[in-house]
mmCIF file of all heavy atoms, coordinates in Angstrom:
data_MODEL
# 
_entry.id   MODEL 
# 
loop_
_atom_site.group_PDB 
_atom_site.id 
_atom_site.type_symbol 
_atom_site.label_atom_id 
_atom_site.label_alt_id 
_atom_site.label_comp_id 
_atom_site.label_asym_id 
_atom_site.label_entity_id 
_atom_site.label_seq_id 
_atom_site.pdbx_PDB_ins_code 
_atom_site.Cartn_x 
_atom_site.Cartn_y 
_atom_site.Cartn_z 
_atom_site.occupancy 
_atom_site.B_iso_or_equiv 
_atom_site.pdbx_formal_charge 
_atom_site.auth_seq_id 
_atom_site.auth_comp_id 
_atom_site.auth_asym_id 
_atom_site.auth_atom_id 
_atom_site.pdbx_PDB_model_num 
ATOM 1   N N   . ARG A 1 1  ? -37.529 28.740 8.695   1.00 0.00 ? 1  ARG A N   1 
ATOM 2   C CA  . ARG A 1 1  ? -37.271 28.003 9.941   1.00 0.00 ? 1  ARG A CA  1 
ATOM 3   C C   . ARG A 1 1  ? -35.804 27.579 10.027  1.00 0.00 ? 1  ARG A C   1 
ATOM 4   O O   . ARG A 1 1  ? -35.196 27.276 9.024   1.00 0.00 ? 1  ARG A O   1 
ATOM 5   C CB  . ARG A 1 1  ? -38.158 26.763 10.009  1.00 0.00 ? 1  ARG A CB  1 
ATOM 6   C CG  . ARG A 1 1  ? -39.619 27.103 10.104  1.00 0.00 ? 1  ARG A CG  1 
ATOM 7   C CD  . ARG A 1 1  ? -40.461 25.830 10.180  1.00 0.00 ? 1  ARG A CD  1 
ATOM 8   N NE  . ARG A 1 1  ? -41.863 26.171 10.120  1.00 0.00 ? 1  ARG A NE  1 
ATOM 9   C CZ  . ARG A 1 1  ? -42.594 26.506 11.179  1.00 0.00 ? 1  ARG A CZ  1 
ATOM 10  N NH1 . ARG A 1 1  ? -42.053 26.513 12.372  1.00 0.00 ? 1  ARG A NH1 1 
ATOM 11  N NH2 . ARG A 1 1  ? -43.874 26.817 11.040  1.00 0.00 ? 1  ARG A NH2 1 
ATOM 12  N N   . THR A 1 2  ? -35.290 27.571 11.204  1.00 0.00 ? 2  THR A N   1 
ATOM 13  C CA  . THR A 1 2  ? -33.902 27.182 11.514  1.00 0.00 ? 2  THR A CA  1 
ATOM 14  C C   . THR A 1 2  ? -32.888 27.881 10.612  1.00 0.00 ? 2  THR A C   1 
ATOM 15  O O   . THR A 1 2  ? -31.884 27.295 10.206  1.00 0.00 ? 2  THR A O   1 
ATOM 16  C CB  . THR A 1 2  ? -33.698 25.645 11.470  1.00 0.00 ? 2  THR A CB  1 
ATOM 17  O OG1 . THR A 1 2  ? -33.944 25.163 10.136  1.00 0.00 ? 2  THR A OG1 1 
ATOM 18  C CG2 . THR A 1 2  ? -34.617 24.929 12.456  1.00 0.00 ? 2  THR A CG2 1 
ATOM 19  N N   . ALA A 1 3  ? -33.164 29.136 10.280  1.00 0.00 ? 3  ALA A N   1 
ATOM 20  C CA  . ALA A 1 3  ? -32.274 30.006 9.490   1.00 0.00 ? 3  ALA A CA  1 
ATOM 21  C C   . ALA A 1 3  ? -31.966 29.458 8.096   1.00 0.00 ? 3  ALA A C   1 
ATOM 22  O O   . ALA A 1 3  ? -30.924 29.736 7.531   1.00 0.00 ? 3  ALA A O   1 
ATOM 23  C CB  . ALA A 1 3  ? -30.986 30.289 10.260  1.00 0.00 ? 3  ALA A CB  1 
ATOM 24  N N   . VAL A 1 4  ? -32.898 28.696 7.529   1.00 0.00 ? 4  VAL A N   1 
ATOM 25  C CA  . VAL A 1 4  ? -32.731 28.149 6.181   1.00 0.00 ? 4  VAL A CA  1 
ATOM 26  C C   . VAL A 1 4  ? -33.051 29.222 5.154   1.00 0.00 ? 4  VAL A C   1 
ATOM 27  O O   . VAL A 1 4  ? -34.028 29.960 5.287   1.00 0.00 ? 4  VAL A O   1 
ATOM 28  C CB  . VAL A 1 4  ? -33.645 26.919 5.980   1.00 0.00 ? 4  VAL A CB  1 
ATOM 29  C CG1 . VAL A 1 4  ? -33.727 26.517 4.526   1.00 0.00 ? 4  VAL A CG1 1 
ATOM 30  C CG2 . VAL A 1 4  ? -33.156 25.765 6.825   1.00 0.00 ? 4  VAL A CG2 1 
ATOM 31  N N   . ASP A 1 5  ? -32.233 29.296 4.111   1.00 0.00 ? 5  ASP A N   1 
ATOM 32  C CA  . ASP A 1 5  ? -32.466 30.233 3.011   1.00 0.00 ? 5  ASP A CA  1 
ATOM 33  C C   . ASP A 1 5  ? -33.556 29.671 2.105   1.00 0.00 ? 5  ASP A C   1 
ATOM 34  O O   . ASP A 1 5  ? -33.278 29.059 1.072   1.00 0.00 ? 5  ASP A O   1 
ATOM 35  C CB  . ASP A 1 5  ? -31.182 30.469 2.210   1.00 0.00 ? 5  ASP A CB  1 
ATOM 36  C CG  . ASP A 1 5  ? -30.204 31.343 2.943   1.00 0.00 ? 5  ASP A CG  1 
ATOM 37  O OD1 . ASP A 1 5  ? -30.636 32.351 3.546   1.00 0.00 ? 5  ASP A OD1 1 
ATOM 38  O OD2 . ASP A 1 5  ? -29.005 31.032 2.926   1.00 0.00 ? 5  ASP A OD2 1 
ATOM 39  N N   . THR A 1 6  ? -34.792 29.890 2.495   1.00 0.00 ? 6  THR A N   1 
ATOM 40  C CA  . THR A 1 6  ? -35.937 29.395 1.743   1.00 0.00 ? 6  THR A CA  1 
ATOM 41  C C   . THR A 1 6  ? -35.934 29.976 0.336   1.00 0.00 ? 6  THR A C   1 
ATOM 42  O O   . THR A 1 6  ? -36.213 29.276 -0.634  1.00 0.00 ? 6  THR A O   1 
ATOM 43  C CB  . THR A 1 6  ? -37.245 29.756 2.483   1.00 0.00 ? 6  THR A CB  1 
ATOM 44  O OG1 . THR A 1 6  ? -37.173 29.207 3.812   1.00 0.00 ? 6  THR A OG1 1 
ATOM 45  C CG2 . THR A 1 6  ? -38.459 29.210 1.766   1.00 0.00 ? 6  THR A CG2 1 
ATOM 46  N N   . VAL A 1 7  ? -35.615 31.262 0.226   1.00 0.00 ? 7  VAL A N   1 
ATOM 47  C CA  . VAL A 1 7  ? -35.374 31.920 -1.063  1.00 0.00 ? 7  VAL A CA  1 
ATOM 48  C C   . VAL A 1 7  ? -34.062 32.671 -0.932  1.00 0.00 ? 7  VAL A C   1 
ATOM 49  O O   . VAL A 1 7  ? -33.881 33.469 -0.016  1.00 0.00 ? 7  VAL A O   1 
ATOM 50  C CB  . VAL A 1 7  ? -36.511 32.895 -1.447  1.00 0.00 ? 7  VAL A CB  1 
ATOM 51  C CG1 . VAL A 1 7  ? -36.188 33.605 -2.759  1.00 0.00 ? 7  VAL A CG1 1 
ATOM 52  C CG2 . VAL A 1 7  ? -37.846 32.165 -1.549  1.00 0.00 ? 7  VAL A CG2 1 
ATOM 53  N N   . TRP A 1 8  ? -33.141 32.381 -1.844  1.00 0.00 ? 8  TRP A N   1 
ATOM 54  C CA  . TRP A 1 8  ? -31.823 33.007 -1.817  1.00 0.00 ? 8  TRP A CA  1 
ATOM 55  C C   . TRP A 1 8  ? -31.872 34.461 -2.269  1.00 0.00 ? 8  TRP A C   1 
ATOM 56  O O   . TRP A 1 8  ? -32.811 34.884 -2.933  1.00 0.00 ? 8  TRP A O   1 
ATOM 57  C CB  . TRP A 1 8  ? -30.874 32.279 -2.750  1.00 0.00 ? 8  TRP A CB  1 
ATOM 58  C CG  . TRP A 1 8  ? -30.556 30.871 -2.396  1.00 0.00 ? 8  TRP A CG  1 
ATOM 59  C CD1 . TRP A 1 8  ? -30.589 30.292 -1.158  1.00 0.00 ? 8  TRP A CD1 1 
ATOM 60  C CD2 . TRP A 1 8  ? -30.135 29.847 -3.303  1.00 0.00 ? 8  TRP A CD2 1 
ATOM 61  N NE1 . TRP A 1 8  ? -30.207 28.976 -1.242  1.00 0.00 ? 8  TRP A NE1 1 
ATOM 62  C CE2 . TRP A 1 8  ? -29.920 28.676 -2.548  1.00 0.00 ? 8  TRP A CE2 1 
ATOM 63  C CE3 . TRP A 1 8  ? -29.910 29.810 -4.670  1.00 0.00 ? 8  TRP A CE3 1 
ATOM 64  C CZ2 . TRP A 1 8  ? -29.490 27.484 -3.124  1.00 0.00 ? 8  TRP A CZ2 1 
ATOM 65  C CZ3 . TRP A 1 8  ? -29.486 28.625 -5.243  1.00 0.00 ? 8  TRP A CZ3 1 
ATOM 66  C CH2 . TRP A 1 8  ? -29.277 27.477 -4.475  1.00 0.00 ? 8  TRP A CH2 1 
ATOM 67  N N   . SER A 1 9  ? -30.814 35.182 -1.967  1.00 0.00 ? 9  SER A N   1 
ATOM 68  C CA  . SER A 1 9  ? -30.631 36.534 -2.494  1.00 0.00 ? 9  SER A CA  1 
ATOM 69  C C   . SER A 1 9  ? -30.320 36.438 -3.983  1.00 0.00 ? 9  SER A C   1 
ATOM 70  O O   . SER A 1 9  ? -29.929 35.377 -4.486  1.00 0.00 ? 9  SER A O   1 
ATOM 71  C CB  . SER A 1 9  ? -29.469 37.229 -1.779  1.00 0.00 ? 9  SER A CB  1 
ATOM 72  O OG  . SER A 1 9  ? -28.252 36.585 -2.122  1.00 0.00 ? 9  SER A OG  1 
ATOM 73  N N   . VAL A 1 10 ? -30.467 37.547 -4.701  1.00 0.00 ? 10 VAL A N   1 
ATOM 74  C CA  . VAL A 1 10 ? -30.139 37.584 -6.127  1.00 0.00 ? 10 VAL A CA  1 
ATOM 75  C C   . VAL A 1 10 ? -28.702 37.132 -6.341  1.00 0.00 ? 10 VAL A C   1 
ATOM 76  O O   . VAL A 1 10 ? -28.419 36.309 -7.222  1.00 0.00 ? 10 VAL A O   1 
ATOM 77  C CB  . VAL A 1 10 ? -30.340 39.007 -6.706  1.00 0.00 ? 10 VAL A CB  1 
ATOM 78  C CG1 . VAL A 1 10 ? -29.855 39.079 -8.145  1.00 0.00 ? 10 VAL A CG1 1 
ATOM 79  C CG2 . VAL A 1 10 ? -31.782 39.433 -6.590  1.00 0.00 ? 10 VAL A CG2 1 
ATOM 80  N N   . GLU A 1 11 ? -27.795 37.635 -5.532  1.00 0.00 ? 11 GLU A N   1 
ATOM 81  C CA  . GLU A 1 11 ? -26.375 37.277 -5.675  1.00 0.00 ? 11 GLU A CA  1 
ATOM 82  C C   . GLU A 1 11 ? -26.168 35.772 -5.541  1.00 0.00 ? 11 GLU A C   1 
ATOM 83  O O   . GLU A 1 11 ? -25.460 35.149 -6.327  1.00 0.00 ? 11 GLU A O   1 
ATOM 84  C CB  . GLU A 1 11 ? -25.532 38.021 -4.647  1.00 0.00 ? 11 GLU A CB  1 
ATOM 85  C CG  . GLU A 1 11 ? -24.059 37.699 -4.735  1.00 0.00 ? 11 GLU A CG  1 
ATOM 86  C CD  . GLU A 1 11 ? -23.239 38.444 -3.689  1.00 0.00 ? 11 GLU A CD  1 
ATOM 87  O OE1 . GLU A 1 11 ? -23.719 39.442 -3.137  1.00 0.00 ? 11 GLU A OE1 1 
ATOM 88  O OE2 . GLU A 1 11 ? -22.110 37.995 -3.436  1.00 0.00 ? 11 GLU A OE2 1 
ATOM 89  N N   . GLN A 1 12 ? -26.802 35.172 -4.551  1.00 0.00 ? 12 GLN A N   1 
ATOM 90  C CA  . GLN A 1 12 ? -26.642 33.738 -4.345  1.00 0.00 ? 12 GLN A CA  1 
ATOM 91  C C   . GLN A 1 12 ? -27.283 32.943 -5.478  1.00 0.00 ? 12 GLN A C   1 
ATOM 92  O O   . GLN A 1 12 ? -26.747 31.909 -5.898  1.00 0.00 ? 12 GLN A O   1 
ATOM 93  C CB  . GLN A 1 12 ? -27.214 33.313 -2.994  1.00 0.00 ? 12 GLN A CB  1 
ATOM 94  C CG  . GLN A 1 12 ? -26.871 31.885 -2.634  1.00 0.00 ? 12 GLN A CG  1 
ATOM 95  C CD  . GLN A 1 12 ? -27.265 31.515 -1.223  1.00 0.00 ? 12 GLN A CD  1 
ATOM 96  O OE1 . GLN A 1 12 ? -27.849 32.307 -0.494  1.00 0.00 ? 12 GLN A OE1 1 
ATOM 97  N NE2 . GLN A 1 12 ? -26.951 30.300 -0.824  1.00 0.00 ? 12 GLN A NE2 1 
ATOM 98  N N   . ILE A 1 13 ? -28.418 33.399 -5.991  1.00 0.00 ? 13 ILE A N   1 
ATOM 99  C CA  . ILE A 1 13 ? -29.059 32.729 -7.128  1.00 0.00 ? 13 ILE A CA  1 
ATOM 100 C C   . ILE A 1 13 ? -28.094 32.684 -8.307  1.00 0.00 ? 13 ILE A C   1 
ATOM 101 O O   . ILE A 1 13 ? -27.877 31.634 -8.911  1.00 0.00 ? 13 ILE A O   1 
ATOM 102 C CB  . ILE A 1 13 ? -30.380 33.429 -7.511  1.00 0.00 ? 13 ILE A CB  1 
ATOM 103 C CG1 . ILE A 1 13 ? -31.439 33.186 -6.425  1.00 0.00 ? 13 ILE A CG1 1 
ATOM 104 C CG2 . ILE A 1 13 ? -30.877 32.952 -8.884  1.00 0.00 ? 13 ILE A CG2 1 
ATOM 105 C CD1 . ILE A 1 13 ? -32.697 34.018 -6.584  1.00 0.00 ? 13 ILE A CD1 1 
ATOM 106 N N   . VAL A 1 14 ? -27.494 33.817 -8.619  1.00 0.00 ? 14 VAL A N   1 
ATOM 107 C CA  . VAL A 1 14 ? -26.563 33.872 -9.753  1.00 0.00 ? 14 VAL A CA  1 
ATOM 108 C C   . VAL A 1 14 ? -25.354 32.986 -9.497  1.00 0.00 ? 14 VAL A C   1 
ATOM 109 O O   . VAL A 1 14 ? -24.992 32.148 -10.325 1.00 0.00 ? 14 VAL A O   1 
ATOM 110 C CB  . VAL A 1 14 ? -26.133 35.325 -10.037 1.00 0.00 ? 14 VAL A CB  1 
ATOM 111 C CG1 . VAL A 1 14 ? -25.001 35.376 -11.060 1.00 0.00 ? 14 VAL A CG1 1 
ATOM 112 C CG2 . VAL A 1 14 ? -27.318 36.149 -10.511 1.00 0.00 ? 14 VAL A CG2 1 
ATOM 113 N N   . GLU A 1 15 ? -24.713 33.154 -8.355  1.00 0.00 ? 15 GLU A N   1 
ATOM 114 C CA  . GLU A 1 15 ? -23.481 32.411 -8.073  1.00 0.00 ? 15 GLU A CA  1 
ATOM 115 C C   . GLU A 1 15 ? -23.713 30.905 -8.067  1.00 0.00 ? 15 GLU A C   1 
ATOM 116 O O   . GLU A 1 15 ? -22.925 30.151 -8.647  1.00 0.00 ? 15 GLU A O   1 
ATOM 117 C CB  . GLU A 1 15 ? -22.861 32.870 -6.747  1.00 0.00 ? 15 GLU A CB  1 
ATOM 118 C CG  . GLU A 1 15 ? -22.406 34.319 -6.735  1.00 0.00 ? 15 GLU A CG  1 
ATOM 119 C CD  . GLU A 1 15 ? -21.460 34.679 -7.875  1.00 0.00 ? 15 GLU A CD  1 
ATOM 120 O OE1 . GLU A 1 15 ? -20.566 33.858 -8.208  1.00 0.00 ? 15 GLU A OE1 1 
ATOM 121 O OE2 . GLU A 1 15 ? -21.630 35.763 -8.455  1.00 0.00 ? 15 GLU A OE2 1 
ATOM 122 N N   . GLN A 1 16 ? -24.769 30.452 -7.407  1.00 0.00 ? 16 GLN A N   1 
ATOM 123 C CA  . GLN A 1 16 ? -25.024 29.012 -7.326  1.00 0.00 ? 16 GLN A CA  1 
ATOM 124 C C   . GLN A 1 16 ? -25.360 28.424 -8.695  1.00 0.00 ? 16 GLN A C   1 
ATOM 125 O O   . GLN A 1 16 ? -24.873 27.349 -9.043  1.00 0.00 ? 16 GLN A O   1 
ATOM 126 C CB  . GLN A 1 16 ? -26.154 28.718 -6.338  1.00 0.00 ? 16 GLN A CB  1 
ATOM 127 C CG  . GLN A 1 16 ? -25.765 28.918 -4.900  1.00 0.00 ? 16 GLN A CG  1 
ATOM 128 C CD  . GLN A 1 16 ? -24.692 27.938 -4.464  1.00 0.00 ? 16 GLN A CD  1 
ATOM 129 O OE1 . GLN A 1 16 ? -24.729 26.752 -4.772  1.00 0.00 ? 16 GLN A OE1 1 
ATOM 130 N NE2 . GLN A 1 16 ? -23.708 28.429 -3.749  1.00 0.00 ? 16 GLN A NE2 1 
ATOM 131 N N   . ASN A 1 17 ? -26.184 29.123 -9.474  1.00 0.00 ? 17 ASN A N   1 
ATOM 132 C CA  . ASN A 1 17 ? -26.539 28.598 -10.784 1.00 0.00 ? 17 ASN A CA  1 
ATOM 133 C C   . ASN A 1 17 ? -25.352 28.568 -11.727 1.00 0.00 ? 17 ASN A C   1 
ATOM 134 O O   . ASN A 1 17 ? -25.155 27.583 -12.451 1.00 0.00 ? 17 ASN A O   1 
ATOM 135 C CB  . ASN A 1 17 ? -27.711 29.390 -11.378 1.00 0.00 ? 17 ASN A CB  1 
ATOM 136 C CG  . ASN A 1 17 ? -29.022 28.942 -10.781 1.00 0.00 ? 17 ASN A CG  1 
ATOM 137 O OD1 . ASN A 1 17 ? -29.567 27.923 -11.169 1.00 0.00 ? 17 ASN A OD1 1 
ATOM 138 N ND2 . ASN A 1 17 ? -29.507 29.688 -9.795  1.00 0.00 ? 17 ASN A ND2 1 
ATOM 139 N N   . LEU A 1 18 ? -24.535 29.608 -11.738 1.00 0.00 ? 18 LEU A N   1 
ATOM 140 C CA  . LEU A 1 18 ? -23.351 29.607 -12.595 1.00 0.00 ? 18 LEU A CA  1 
ATOM 141 C C   . LEU A 1 18 ? -22.369 28.518 -12.172 1.00 0.00 ? 18 LEU A C   1 
ATOM 142 O O   . LEU A 1 18 ? -21.785 27.837 -13.016 1.00 0.00 ? 18 LEU A O   1 
ATOM 143 C CB  . LEU A 1 18 ? -22.677 30.979 -12.594 1.00 0.00 ? 18 LEU A CB  1 
ATOM 144 C CG  . LEU A 1 18 ? -23.485 32.112 -13.249 1.00 0.00 ? 18 LEU A CG  1 
ATOM 145 C CD1 . LEU A 1 18 ? -22.731 33.427 -13.154 1.00 0.00 ? 18 LEU A CD1 1 
ATOM 146 C CD2 . LEU A 1 18 ? -23.841 31.775 -14.689 1.00 0.00 ? 18 LEU A CD2 1 
ATOM 147 N N   . PHE A 1 19 ? -22.214 28.325 -10.886 1.00 0.00 ? 19 PHE A N   1 
ATOM 148 C CA  . PHE A 1 19 ? -21.331 27.276 -10.379 1.00 0.00 ? 19 PHE A CA  1 
ATOM 149 C C   . PHE A 1 19 ? -21.819 25.893 -10.805 1.00 0.00 ? 19 PHE A C   1 
ATOM 150 O O   . PHE A 1 19 ? -21.060 25.078 -11.322 1.00 0.00 ? 19 PHE A O   1 
ATOM 151 C CB  . PHE A 1 19 ? -21.227 27.372 -8.855  1.00 0.00 ? 19 PHE A CB  1 
ATOM 152 C CG  . PHE A 1 19 ? -20.437 26.257 -8.238  1.00 0.00 ? 19 PHE A CG  1 
ATOM 153 C CD1 . PHE A 1 19 ? -19.064 26.174 -8.414  1.00 0.00 ? 19 PHE A CD1 1 
ATOM 154 C CD2 . PHE A 1 19 ? -21.067 25.285 -7.486  1.00 0.00 ? 19 PHE A CD2 1 
ATOM 155 C CE1 . PHE A 1 19 ? -18.330 25.140 -7.851  1.00 0.00 ? 19 PHE A CE1 1 
ATOM 156 C CE2 . PHE A 1 19 ? -20.349 24.244 -6.921  1.00 0.00 ? 19 PHE A CE2 1 
ATOM 157 C CZ  . PHE A 1 19 ? -18.972 24.172 -7.103  1.00 0.00 ? 19 PHE A CZ  1 
ATOM 158 N N   . PHE A 1 20 ? -23.094 25.623 -10.591 1.00 0.00 ? 20 PHE A N   1 
ATOM 159 C CA  . PHE A 1 20 ? -23.626 24.304 -10.925 1.00 0.00 ? 20 PHE A CA  1 
ATOM 160 C C   . PHE A 1 20 ? -23.553 24.014 -12.415 1.00 0.00 ? 20 PHE A C   1 
ATOM 161 O O   . PHE A 1 20 ? -23.394 22.875 -12.825 1.00 0.00 ? 20 PHE A O   1 
ATOM 162 C CB  . PHE A 1 20 ? -25.072 24.166 -10.426 1.00 0.00 ? 20 PHE A CB  1 
ATOM 163 C CG  . PHE A 1 20 ? -25.159 23.627 -9.035  1.00 0.00 ? 20 PHE A CG  1 
ATOM 164 C CD1 . PHE A 1 20 ? -24.784 24.401 -7.953  1.00 0.00 ? 20 PHE A CD1 1 
ATOM 165 C CD2 . PHE A 1 20 ? -25.607 22.342 -8.799  1.00 0.00 ? 20 PHE A CD2 1 
ATOM 166 C CE1 . PHE A 1 20 ? -24.845 23.904 -6.661  1.00 0.00 ? 20 PHE A CE1 1 
ATOM 167 C CE2 . PHE A 1 20 ? -25.670 21.837 -7.515  1.00 0.00 ? 20 PHE A CE2 1 
ATOM 168 C CZ  . PHE A 1 20 ? -25.289 22.619 -6.442  1.00 0.00 ? 20 PHE A CZ  1 
ATOM 169 N N   . ARG A 1 21 ? -23.667 25.036 -13.230 1.00 0.00 ? 21 ARG A N   1 
ATOM 170 C CA  . ARG A 1 21 ? -23.628 24.840 -14.683 1.00 0.00 ? 21 ARG A CA  1 
ATOM 171 C C   . ARG A 1 21 ? -22.211 24.724 -15.234 1.00 0.00 ? 21 ARG A C   1 
ATOM 172 O O   . ARG A 1 21 ? -22.033 24.249 -16.350 1.00 0.00 ? 21 ARG A O   1 
ATOM 173 C CB  . ARG A 1 21 ? -24.334 26.004 -15.377 1.00 0.00 ? 21 ARG A CB  1 
ATOM 174 C CG  . ARG A 1 21 ? -25.812 26.042 -15.084 1.00 0.00 ? 21 ARG A CG  1 
ATOM 175 C CD  . ARG A 1 21 ? -26.450 27.269 -15.671 1.00 0.00 ? 21 ARG A CD  1 
ATOM 176 N NE  . ARG A 1 21 ? -27.798 27.417 -15.157 1.00 0.00 ? 21 ARG A NE  1 
ATOM 177 C CZ  . ARG A 1 21 ? -28.521 28.494 -15.317 1.00 0.00 ? 21 ARG A CZ  1 
ATOM 178 N NH1 . ARG A 1 21 ? -28.045 29.519 -16.006 1.00 0.00 ? 21 ARG A NH1 1 
ATOM 179 N NH2 . ARG A 1 21 ? -29.734 28.561 -14.810 1.00 0.00 ? 21 ARG A NH2 1 
ATOM 180 N N   . SER A 1 22 ? -21.216 25.172 -14.473 1.00 0.00 ? 22 SER A N   1 
ATOM 181 C CA  . SER A 1 22 ? -19.862 25.221 -15.027 1.00 0.00 ? 22 SER A CA  1 
ATOM 182 C C   . SER A 1 22 ? -18.848 24.311 -14.333 1.00 0.00 ? 22 SER A C   1 
ATOM 183 O O   . SER A 1 22 ? -17.768 24.090 -14.873 1.00 0.00 ? 22 SER A O   1 
ATOM 184 C CB  . SER A 1 22 ? -19.344 26.661 -14.993 1.00 0.00 ? 22 SER A CB  1 
ATOM 185 O OG  . SER A 1 22 ? -19.208 27.092 -13.641 1.00 0.00 ? 22 SER A OG  1 
ATOM 186 N N   . ASP A 1 23 ? -19.145 23.794 -13.164 1.00 0.00 ? 23 ASP A N   1 
ATOM 187 C CA  . ASP A 1 23 ? -18.193 22.977 -12.430 1.00 0.00 ? 23 ASP A CA  1 
ATOM 188 C C   . ASP A 1 23 ? -17.983 21.637 -13.139 1.00 0.00 ? 23 ASP A C   1 
ATOM 189 O O   . ASP A 1 23 ? -18.927 20.868 -13.333 1.00 0.00 ? 23 ASP A O   1 
ATOM 190 C CB  . ASP A 1 23 ? -18.687 22.751 -11.000 1.00 0.00 ? 23 ASP A CB  1 
ATOM 191 C CG  . ASP A 1 23 ? -17.668 22.024 -10.157 1.00 0.00 ? 23 ASP A CG  1 
ATOM 192 O OD1 . ASP A 1 23 ? -16.809 22.689 -9.552  1.00 0.00 ? 23 ASP A OD1 1 
ATOM 193 O OD2 . ASP A 1 23 ? -17.728 20.782 -10.130 1.00 0.00 ? 23 ASP A OD2 1 
ATOM 194 N N   . SER A 1 24 ? -16.754 21.350 -13.524 1.00 0.00 ? 24 SER A N   1 
ATOM 195 C CA  . SER A 1 24 ? -16.466 20.132 -14.297 1.00 0.00 ? 24 SER A CA  1 
ATOM 196 C C   . SER A 1 24 ? -16.705 18.851 -13.486 1.00 0.00 ? 24 SER A C   1 
ATOM 197 O O   . SER A 1 24 ? -17.103 17.830 -14.045 1.00 0.00 ? 24 SER A O   1 
ATOM 198 C CB  . SER A 1 24 ? -15.037 20.160 -14.833 1.00 0.00 ? 24 SER A CB  1 
ATOM 199 O OG  . SER A 1 24 ? -14.108 20.240 -13.773 1.00 0.00 ? 24 SER A OG  1 
ATOM 200 N N   . SER A 1 25 ? -16.474 18.897 -12.184 1.00 0.00 ? 25 SER A N   1 
ATOM 201 C CA  . SER A 1 25 ? -16.717 17.690 -11.389 1.00 0.00 ? 25 SER A CA  1 
ATOM 202 C C   . SER A 1 25 ? -18.215 17.380 -11.310 1.00 0.00 ? 25 SER A C   1 
ATOM 203 O O   . SER A 1 25 ? -18.613 16.220 -11.284 1.00 0.00 ? 25 SER A O   1 
ATOM 204 C CB  . SER A 1 25 ? -16.120 17.820 -9.991  1.00 0.00 ? 25 SER A CB  1 
ATOM 205 O OG  . SER A 1 25 ? -16.751 18.849 -9.263  1.00 0.00 ? 25 SER A OG  1 
ATOM 206 N N   . PHE A 1 26 ? -19.043 18.417 -11.290 1.00 0.00 ? 26 PHE A N   1 
ATOM 207 C CA  . PHE A 1 26 ? -20.492 18.200 -11.285 1.00 0.00 ? 26 PHE A CA  1 
ATOM 208 C C   . PHE A 1 26 ? -20.936 17.567 -12.594 1.00 0.00 ? 26 PHE A C   1 
ATOM 209 O O   . PHE A 1 26 ? -21.837 16.738 -12.618 1.00 0.00 ? 26 PHE A O   1 
ATOM 210 C CB  . PHE A 1 26 ? -21.239 19.503 -11.062 1.00 0.00 ? 26 PHE A CB  1 
ATOM 211 C CG  . PHE A 1 26 ? -21.290 19.947 -9.622  1.00 0.00 ? 26 PHE A CG  1 
ATOM 212 C CD1 . PHE A 1 26 ? -20.524 19.357 -8.643  1.00 0.00 ? 26 PHE A CD1 1 
ATOM 213 C CD2 . PHE A 1 26 ? -22.136 20.969 -9.246  1.00 0.00 ? 26 PHE A CD2 1 
ATOM 214 C CE1 . PHE A 1 26 ? -20.579 19.767 -7.325  1.00 0.00 ? 26 PHE A CE1 1 
ATOM 215 C CE2 . PHE A 1 26 ? -22.206 21.393 -7.927  1.00 0.00 ? 26 PHE A CE2 1 
ATOM 216 C CZ  . PHE A 1 26 ? -21.432 20.788 -6.970  1.00 0.00 ? 26 PHE A CZ  1 
# 
């Protein structure tokens, strides 16, 4: 609904998880 990514693409899954695990500010 409303163009929400209910399930991400493989590429987005990888990029978001690697970002969240490595970003020092997070």
